[in-house]
């Protein structure tokens, strides 16, 4: 008997946890009390500040930006004009800068003196020598 009660309670708890994991938007009706520009502006305002965007939250911010872009594509030009997109643009630029920066903080992810694999030094002599001279 106790075993059955524990099974039912475990199932009930599992269901409650699953429902709690759902986003609140899943329970909201489309357009429930908010027009599209107000909803998109809320999403823009919820973006982290540009200086708070790091590698750790990069994918989350990219998902937020993608959702905002998708919603903005469905808006008219007049609706888009009502939005304050400064935070959106700053987050987008910061994310772009983050992906253009390599691990050493140099933009572009390129070396200052790349080796093309030919064995020749990048600062080769003017005579076109192979970089090795007999002594």
N, C-alpha and C. Protein backbone atom coordinates (compact mmCIF):
# COMPACT_ATOMS: atom_id res chain seq x y z
N UNK A 1 0.83 -1.19 0.00
CA UNK A 1 0.00 0.00 0.00
C UNK A 1 0.87 1.25 0.00
N UNK A 2 1.87 1.28 0.89
CA UNK A 2 2.75 2.44 0.94
C UNK A 2 3.50 2.61 -0.38
N UNK A 3 3.86 1.50 -0.99
CA UNK A 3 4.58 1.53 -2.25
C UNK A 3 3.73 2.22 -3.33
N UNK A 4 2.44 1.92 -3.39
CA UNK A 4 1.53 2.51 -4.36
C UNK A 4 1.40 4.01 -4.13
N UNK A 5 1.29 4.42 -2.88
CA UNK A 5 1.16 5.84 -2.56
C UNK A 5 2.42 6.58 -3.00
N UNK A 6 3.56 5.99 -2.74
CA UNK A 6 4.83 6.62 -3.14
C UNK A 6 4.93 6.71 -4.66
N UNK A 7 4.44 5.71 -5.37
CA UNK A 7 4.46 5.75 -6.82
C UNK A 7 3.59 6.90 -7.34
N UNK A 8 2.40 7.04 -6.82
CA UNK A 8 1.51 8.11 -7.24
C UNK A 8 2.09 9.48 -6.91
N UNK A 9 2.66 9.62 -5.73
CA UNK A 9 3.26 10.89 -5.35
C UNK A 9 4.46 11.23 -6.24
N UNK A 10 5.26 10.21 -6.57
CA UNK A 10 6.41 10.43 -7.44
C UNK A 10 5.95 10.87 -8.83
N UNK A 11 4.91 10.24 -9.34
CA UNK A 11 4.36 10.62 -10.64
C UNK A 11 3.79 12.03 -10.61
N UNK A 12 3.09 12.37 -9.54
CA UNK A 12 2.52 13.71 -9.40
C UNK A 12 3.63 14.76 -9.32
N UNK A 13 4.67 14.47 -8.58
CA UNK A 13 5.80 15.38 -8.46
C UNK A 13 6.50 15.55 -9.81
N UNK A 14 6.68 14.47 -10.54
CA UNK A 14 7.32 14.54 -11.85
C UNK A 14 6.48 15.40 -12.80
N UNK A 15 5.17 15.24 -12.78
CA UNK A 15 4.30 16.04 -13.63
C UNK A 15 4.37 17.52 -13.24
N UNK A 16 4.39 17.80 -11.94
CA UNK A 16 4.49 19.19 -11.48
C UNK A 16 5.81 19.82 -11.92
N UNK A 17 6.88 19.07 -11.86
CA UNK A 17 8.18 19.59 -12.30
C UNK A 17 8.19 19.86 -13.80
N UNK A 18 7.58 18.97 -14.57
CA UNK A 18 7.53 19.17 -16.01
C UNK A 18 6.72 20.41 -16.37
N UNK A 19 5.62 20.63 -15.70
CA UNK A 19 4.80 21.81 -15.95
C UNK A 19 5.55 23.08 -15.56
N UNK A 20 6.29 23.01 -14.46
CA UNK A 20 7.06 24.17 -14.02
C UNK A 20 8.17 24.52 -14.99
N UNK A 21 8.66 23.54 -15.74
CA UNK A 21 9.74 23.79 -16.70
C UNK A 21 9.25 24.48 -17.97
N UNK A 22 7.97 24.42 -18.24
CA UNK A 22 7.42 25.06 -19.44
C UNK A 22 7.52 26.57 -19.31
N UNK A 23 7.81 27.26 -20.42
CA UNK A 23 7.83 28.72 -20.36
C UNK A 23 6.42 29.26 -20.18
N UNK A 24 6.32 30.39 -19.55
CA UNK A 24 5.01 30.99 -19.29
C UNK A 24 4.29 31.32 -20.59
N UNK A 25 5.05 31.56 -21.65
CA UNK A 25 4.44 31.89 -22.94
C UNK A 25 3.61 30.73 -23.48
N UNK A 26 3.90 29.52 -23.06
CA UNK A 26 3.14 28.36 -23.54
C UNK A 26 1.70 28.41 -23.04
N UNK A 27 1.47 29.06 -21.92
CA UNK A 27 0.12 29.15 -21.37
C UNK A 27 -0.62 30.40 -21.83
N UNK A 28 0.08 31.34 -22.42
CA UNK A 28 -0.54 32.59 -22.85
C UNK A 28 -1.16 32.40 -24.23
N UNK A 29 -2.26 33.10 -24.45
CA UNK A 29 -2.89 33.09 -25.75
C UNK A 29 -2.12 34.06 -26.64
N UNK A 30 -2.15 33.80 -27.95
CA UNK A 30 -1.50 34.73 -28.86
C UNK A 30 -2.19 36.07 -28.80
N UNK A 31 -1.39 37.11 -28.61
CA UNK A 31 -1.94 38.46 -28.58
C UNK A 31 -2.77 38.74 -27.34
N UNK A 32 -2.55 38.04 -26.28
CA UNK A 32 -3.35 38.22 -25.07
C UNK A 32 -2.98 39.52 -24.38
N UNK A 33 -3.66 40.59 -24.75
CA UNK A 33 -3.50 41.86 -24.06
C UNK A 33 -2.33 42.70 -24.52
N UNK A 34 -1.47 42.18 -25.37
CA UNK A 34 -0.31 42.95 -25.82
C UNK A 34 -0.24 42.94 -27.33
N UNK A 35 0.09 44.10 -27.89
CA UNK A 35 0.30 44.15 -29.31
C UNK A 35 1.75 43.78 -29.61
N UNK A 36 2.04 43.48 -30.85
CA UNK A 36 3.36 42.99 -31.24
C UNK A 36 4.49 43.96 -30.87
N UNK A 37 4.38 45.26 -31.16
CA UNK A 37 5.48 46.15 -30.80
C UNK A 37 5.77 46.18 -29.30
N UNK A 38 4.76 46.14 -28.47
CA UNK A 38 4.98 46.14 -27.02
C UNK A 38 5.67 44.86 -26.58
N UNK A 39 5.29 43.73 -27.15
CA UNK A 39 5.92 42.46 -26.81
C UNK A 39 7.38 42.44 -27.24
N UNK A 40 7.65 42.90 -28.47
CA UNK A 40 9.02 42.91 -28.97
C UNK A 40 9.87 43.88 -28.16
N UNK A 41 9.29 45.02 -27.77
CA UNK A 41 10.04 45.98 -26.95
C UNK A 41 10.40 45.37 -25.60
N UNK A 42 9.50 44.58 -25.04
CA UNK A 42 9.80 43.88 -23.79
C UNK A 42 10.99 42.93 -23.97
N UNK A 43 11.00 42.21 -25.08
CA UNK A 43 12.10 41.29 -25.35
C UNK A 43 13.41 42.05 -25.51
N UNK A 44 13.36 43.18 -26.20
CA UNK A 44 14.56 43.99 -26.39
C UNK A 44 15.07 44.49 -25.04
N UNK A 45 14.15 44.96 -24.20
CA UNK A 45 14.54 45.47 -22.89
C UNK A 45 15.10 44.37 -21.98
N UNK A 46 14.72 43.13 -22.25
CA UNK A 46 15.19 42.01 -21.43
C UNK A 46 16.59 41.52 -21.85
N UNK A 47 17.10 42.03 -22.97
CA UNK A 47 18.44 41.63 -23.40
C UNK A 47 19.47 42.12 -22.39
N UNK A 48 20.55 41.35 -22.19
CA UNK A 48 21.60 41.83 -21.29
C UNK A 48 22.34 43.01 -21.93
N UNK A 49 22.96 43.83 -21.09
CA UNK A 49 23.75 44.95 -21.60
C UNK A 49 24.91 44.39 -22.42
N UNK A 50 25.38 45.18 -23.37
CA UNK A 50 26.42 44.73 -24.28
C UNK A 50 27.66 44.24 -23.55
N UNK A 51 28.04 44.91 -22.47
CA UNK A 51 29.25 44.51 -21.74
C UNK A 51 29.04 43.24 -20.91
N UNK A 52 27.80 42.79 -20.76
CA UNK A 52 27.51 41.57 -20.00
C UNK A 52 27.47 40.33 -20.87
N UNK A 53 27.62 40.49 -22.19
CA UNK A 53 27.56 39.35 -23.10
C UNK A 53 28.93 38.70 -23.15
N UNK A 54 28.96 37.41 -22.81
CA UNK A 54 30.21 36.64 -22.76
C UNK A 54 30.03 35.35 -23.53
N UNK A 55 31.09 34.57 -23.60
CA UNK A 55 31.02 33.26 -24.24
C UNK A 55 30.01 32.35 -23.54
N UNK A 56 29.87 32.51 -22.22
CA UNK A 56 28.98 31.65 -21.45
C UNK A 56 27.51 31.89 -21.80
N UNK A 57 27.12 33.14 -22.05
CA UNK A 57 25.71 33.42 -22.35
C UNK A 57 25.48 33.74 -23.82
N UNK A 58 26.47 33.47 -24.63
CA UNK A 58 26.40 33.80 -26.05
C UNK A 58 25.23 33.12 -26.76
N UNK A 59 25.06 31.82 -26.57
CA UNK A 59 24.00 31.10 -27.28
C UNK A 59 22.62 31.56 -26.81
N UNK A 60 22.49 31.87 -25.53
CA UNK A 60 21.20 32.35 -25.02
C UNK A 60 20.85 33.71 -25.64
N UNK A 61 21.83 34.60 -25.70
CA UNK A 61 21.60 35.93 -26.29
C UNK A 61 21.30 35.79 -27.78
N UNK A 62 22.01 34.88 -28.46
CA UNK A 62 21.73 34.67 -29.88
C UNK A 62 20.30 34.18 -30.10
N UNK A 63 19.82 33.32 -29.22
CA UNK A 63 18.44 32.86 -29.30
C UNK A 63 17.45 33.99 -29.10
N UNK A 64 17.74 34.88 -28.16
CA UNK A 64 16.88 36.04 -27.92
C UNK A 64 16.87 36.94 -29.15
N UNK A 65 18.04 37.20 -29.72
CA UNK A 65 18.13 38.05 -30.91
C UNK A 65 17.38 37.43 -32.09
N UNK A 66 17.50 36.12 -32.25
CA UNK A 66 16.79 35.44 -33.34
C UNK A 66 15.27 35.57 -33.18
N UNK A 67 14.78 35.44 -31.94
CA UNK A 67 13.34 35.57 -31.69
C UNK A 67 12.88 37.00 -31.99
N UNK A 68 13.68 37.97 -31.60
CA UNK A 68 13.33 39.37 -31.85
C UNK A 68 13.31 39.64 -33.35
N UNK A 69 14.32 39.15 -34.07
CA UNK A 69 14.37 39.34 -35.52
C UNK A 69 13.17 38.71 -36.21
N UNK A 70 12.80 37.51 -35.78
CA UNK A 70 11.65 36.83 -36.38
C UNK A 70 10.37 37.62 -36.15
N UNK A 71 10.22 38.16 -34.95
CA UNK A 71 9.02 38.94 -34.65
C UNK A 71 9.01 40.26 -35.43
N UNK A 72 10.18 40.85 -35.60
CA UNK A 72 10.26 42.12 -36.31
C UNK A 72 9.97 41.95 -37.80
N UNK A 73 10.27 40.76 -38.35
CA UNK A 73 9.99 40.50 -39.76
C UNK A 73 8.49 40.52 -40.04
N UNK A 74 7.69 40.19 -39.04
CA UNK A 74 6.24 40.15 -39.21
C UNK A 74 5.58 41.49 -38.92
N UNK A 75 6.36 42.47 -38.47
CA UNK A 75 5.82 43.79 -38.15
C UNK A 75 5.86 44.71 -39.36
N UNK A 76 4.99 45.69 -39.36
CA UNK A 76 5.01 46.69 -40.42
C UNK A 76 6.10 47.71 -40.12
N UNK A 77 6.43 48.52 -41.10
CA UNK A 77 7.46 49.55 -40.92
C UNK A 77 7.05 50.57 -39.86
N UNK A 78 5.76 50.87 -39.78
CA UNK A 78 5.28 51.82 -38.77
C UNK A 78 5.45 51.25 -37.36
N UNK A 79 5.18 49.96 -37.23
CA UNK A 79 5.36 49.31 -35.92
C UNK A 79 6.83 49.26 -35.54
N UNK A 80 7.70 48.96 -36.51
CA UNK A 80 9.13 48.91 -36.24
C UNK A 80 9.66 50.28 -35.81
N UNK A 81 9.08 51.34 -36.39
CA UNK A 81 9.54 52.70 -36.07
C UNK A 81 9.25 53.08 -34.62
N UNK A 82 8.30 52.40 -33.99
CA UNK A 82 7.96 52.72 -32.59
C UNK A 82 8.92 52.07 -31.60
N UNK A 83 9.75 51.15 -32.07
CA UNK A 83 10.65 50.42 -31.18
C UNK A 83 11.91 51.22 -30.88
N UNK A 84 12.41 51.07 -29.65
CA UNK A 84 13.71 51.60 -29.27
C UNK A 84 14.69 50.44 -29.39
N UNK A 85 15.43 50.41 -30.48
CA UNK A 85 16.28 49.27 -30.79
C UNK A 85 17.74 49.47 -30.39
N UNK A 86 18.05 50.47 -29.61
CA UNK A 86 19.44 50.74 -29.23
C UNK A 86 20.05 49.55 -28.49
N UNK A 87 19.32 48.98 -27.56
CA UNK A 87 19.83 47.84 -26.79
C UNK A 87 20.00 46.62 -27.69
N UNK A 88 19.07 46.43 -28.61
CA UNK A 88 19.13 45.32 -29.56
C UNK A 88 20.38 45.46 -30.43
N UNK A 89 20.62 46.65 -30.96
CA UNK A 89 21.77 46.88 -31.83
C UNK A 89 23.08 46.71 -31.06
N UNK A 90 23.12 47.20 -29.82
CA UNK A 90 24.33 47.06 -29.01
C UNK A 90 24.62 45.59 -28.71
N UNK A 91 23.59 44.82 -28.39
CA UNK A 91 23.76 43.39 -28.11
C UNK A 91 24.21 42.66 -29.37
N UNK A 92 23.63 43.01 -30.49
CA UNK A 92 23.99 42.39 -31.75
C UNK A 92 25.44 42.69 -32.11
N UNK A 93 25.86 43.95 -31.93
CA UNK A 93 27.24 44.33 -32.21
C UNK A 93 28.21 43.65 -31.26
N UNK A 94 27.84 43.56 -30.00
CA UNK A 94 28.70 42.90 -29.01
C UNK A 94 28.85 41.42 -29.34
N UNK A 95 27.78 40.78 -29.76
CA UNK A 95 27.83 39.37 -30.13
C UNK A 95 28.70 39.19 -31.37
N UNK A 96 28.60 40.11 -32.31
CA UNK A 96 29.42 40.07 -33.51
C UNK A 96 30.90 40.26 -33.17
N UNK A 97 31.19 41.21 -32.27
CA UNK A 97 32.57 41.43 -31.84
C UNK A 97 33.11 40.20 -31.13
N UNK A 98 32.27 39.55 -30.36
CA UNK A 98 32.68 38.36 -29.62
C UNK A 98 33.05 37.23 -30.58
N UNK A 99 32.32 37.09 -31.66
CA UNK A 99 32.61 36.02 -32.60
C UNK A 99 33.78 36.38 -33.51
N UNK A 100 34.10 37.68 -33.65
CA UNK A 100 35.24 38.10 -34.45
C UNK A 100 36.54 38.06 -33.66
N UNK A 101 36.46 37.87 -32.35
CA UNK A 101 37.63 37.88 -31.50
C UNK A 101 38.09 36.45 -31.24
N UNK A 102 39.40 36.22 -31.40
CA UNK A 102 39.90 34.88 -31.09
C UNK A 102 40.22 34.79 -29.62
N UNK A 103 40.76 33.68 -29.19
CA UNK A 103 41.03 33.45 -27.78
C UNK A 103 42.02 34.42 -27.17
N UNK A 104 42.86 35.07 -27.98
CA UNK A 104 43.87 35.97 -27.45
C UNK A 104 43.43 37.41 -27.47
N UNK A 105 42.20 37.67 -27.85
CA UNK A 105 41.69 39.03 -27.85
C UNK A 105 42.02 39.81 -29.10
N UNK A 106 42.59 39.14 -30.13
CA UNK A 106 42.89 39.83 -31.36
C UNK A 106 41.72 39.67 -32.32
N UNK A 107 41.22 40.77 -32.89
CA UNK A 107 40.10 40.66 -33.82
C UNK A 107 40.47 39.83 -35.03
N UNK A 108 39.50 39.13 -35.55
CA UNK A 108 39.66 38.39 -36.78
C UNK A 108 40.20 36.99 -36.63
N UNK A 109 40.84 36.68 -35.53
CA UNK A 109 41.36 35.34 -35.32
C UNK A 109 42.52 35.00 -36.24
N UNK A 110 43.24 36.03 -36.76
CA UNK A 110 44.37 35.75 -37.63
C UNK A 110 45.66 36.05 -36.89
N UNK A 111 46.71 35.43 -37.35
CA UNK A 111 48.01 35.68 -36.76
C UNK A 111 48.61 36.92 -37.39
N UNK A 112 49.55 37.56 -36.72
CA UNK A 112 50.19 38.74 -37.28
C UNK A 112 51.20 38.37 -38.34
N UNK A 113 51.77 37.19 -38.28
CA UNK A 113 52.76 36.72 -39.24
C UNK A 113 52.41 35.28 -39.64
N UNK A 114 51.40 35.09 -40.48
CA UNK A 114 50.94 33.73 -40.76
C UNK A 114 51.99 32.93 -41.53
N UNK A 115 52.04 31.65 -41.27
CA UNK A 115 52.94 30.75 -41.96
C UNK A 115 52.13 30.06 -43.05
N UNK A 116 52.53 30.28 -44.29
CA UNK A 116 51.77 29.70 -45.39
C UNK A 116 52.17 28.26 -45.68
N UNK A 117 53.09 27.73 -44.89
CA UNK A 117 53.49 26.34 -45.06
C UNK A 117 54.59 26.13 -46.07
N UNK A 118 55.05 27.21 -46.72
CA UNK A 118 56.08 27.06 -47.75
C UNK A 118 57.47 26.96 -47.17
N UNK A 119 57.63 27.28 -45.90
CA UNK A 119 58.94 27.25 -45.28
C UNK A 119 59.65 28.59 -45.37
N UNK A 120 59.08 29.51 -46.14
CA UNK A 120 59.66 30.84 -46.28
C UNK A 120 59.17 31.73 -45.17
N UNK A 121 60.02 32.58 -44.66
CA UNK A 121 59.61 33.53 -43.64
C UNK A 121 58.80 34.64 -44.26
N UNK A 122 57.89 35.23 -43.51
CA UNK A 122 57.07 36.32 -44.02
C UNK A 122 57.91 37.56 -44.26
N UNK A 123 59.00 37.72 -43.51
CA UNK A 123 59.86 38.88 -43.70
C UNK A 123 61.08 38.50 -44.54
N UNK A 124 60.78 37.90 -45.67
CA UNK A 124 61.78 37.39 -46.58
C UNK A 124 62.59 38.54 -47.17
N UNK A 125 63.86 38.28 -47.49
CA UNK A 125 64.72 39.30 -48.09
C UNK A 125 64.19 39.71 -49.45
N UNK A 126 64.60 40.89 -49.91
CA UNK A 126 64.15 41.42 -51.19
C UNK A 126 64.62 40.59 -52.36
N UNK A 127 65.70 39.82 -52.19
CA UNK A 127 66.24 39.04 -53.31
C UNK A 127 65.41 37.78 -53.57
N UNK A 128 64.39 37.53 -52.74
CA UNK A 128 63.51 36.39 -52.97
C UNK A 128 64.09 35.09 -52.51
N UNK A 129 65.12 35.10 -51.70
CA UNK A 129 65.74 33.88 -51.22
C UNK A 129 64.78 33.08 -50.35
N UNK A 130 65.07 31.84 -50.18
CA UNK A 130 64.21 30.95 -49.44
C UNK A 130 64.30 31.09 -47.94
N UNK A 131 65.02 32.06 -47.46
CA UNK A 131 65.10 32.26 -46.03
C UNK A 131 66.28 31.53 -45.41
N UNK A 132 66.94 30.65 -46.14
CA UNK A 132 68.11 29.92 -45.65
C UNK A 132 69.28 30.25 -46.55
N UNK A 133 70.39 30.65 -45.96
CA UNK A 133 71.59 30.95 -46.72
C UNK A 133 72.74 30.09 -46.18
N UNK A 134 73.56 29.65 -47.07
CA UNK A 134 74.71 28.88 -46.59
C UNK A 134 75.67 29.77 -45.81
N UNK A 135 76.32 29.24 -44.84
CA UNK A 135 77.23 30.03 -44.02
C UNK A 135 78.62 29.99 -44.55
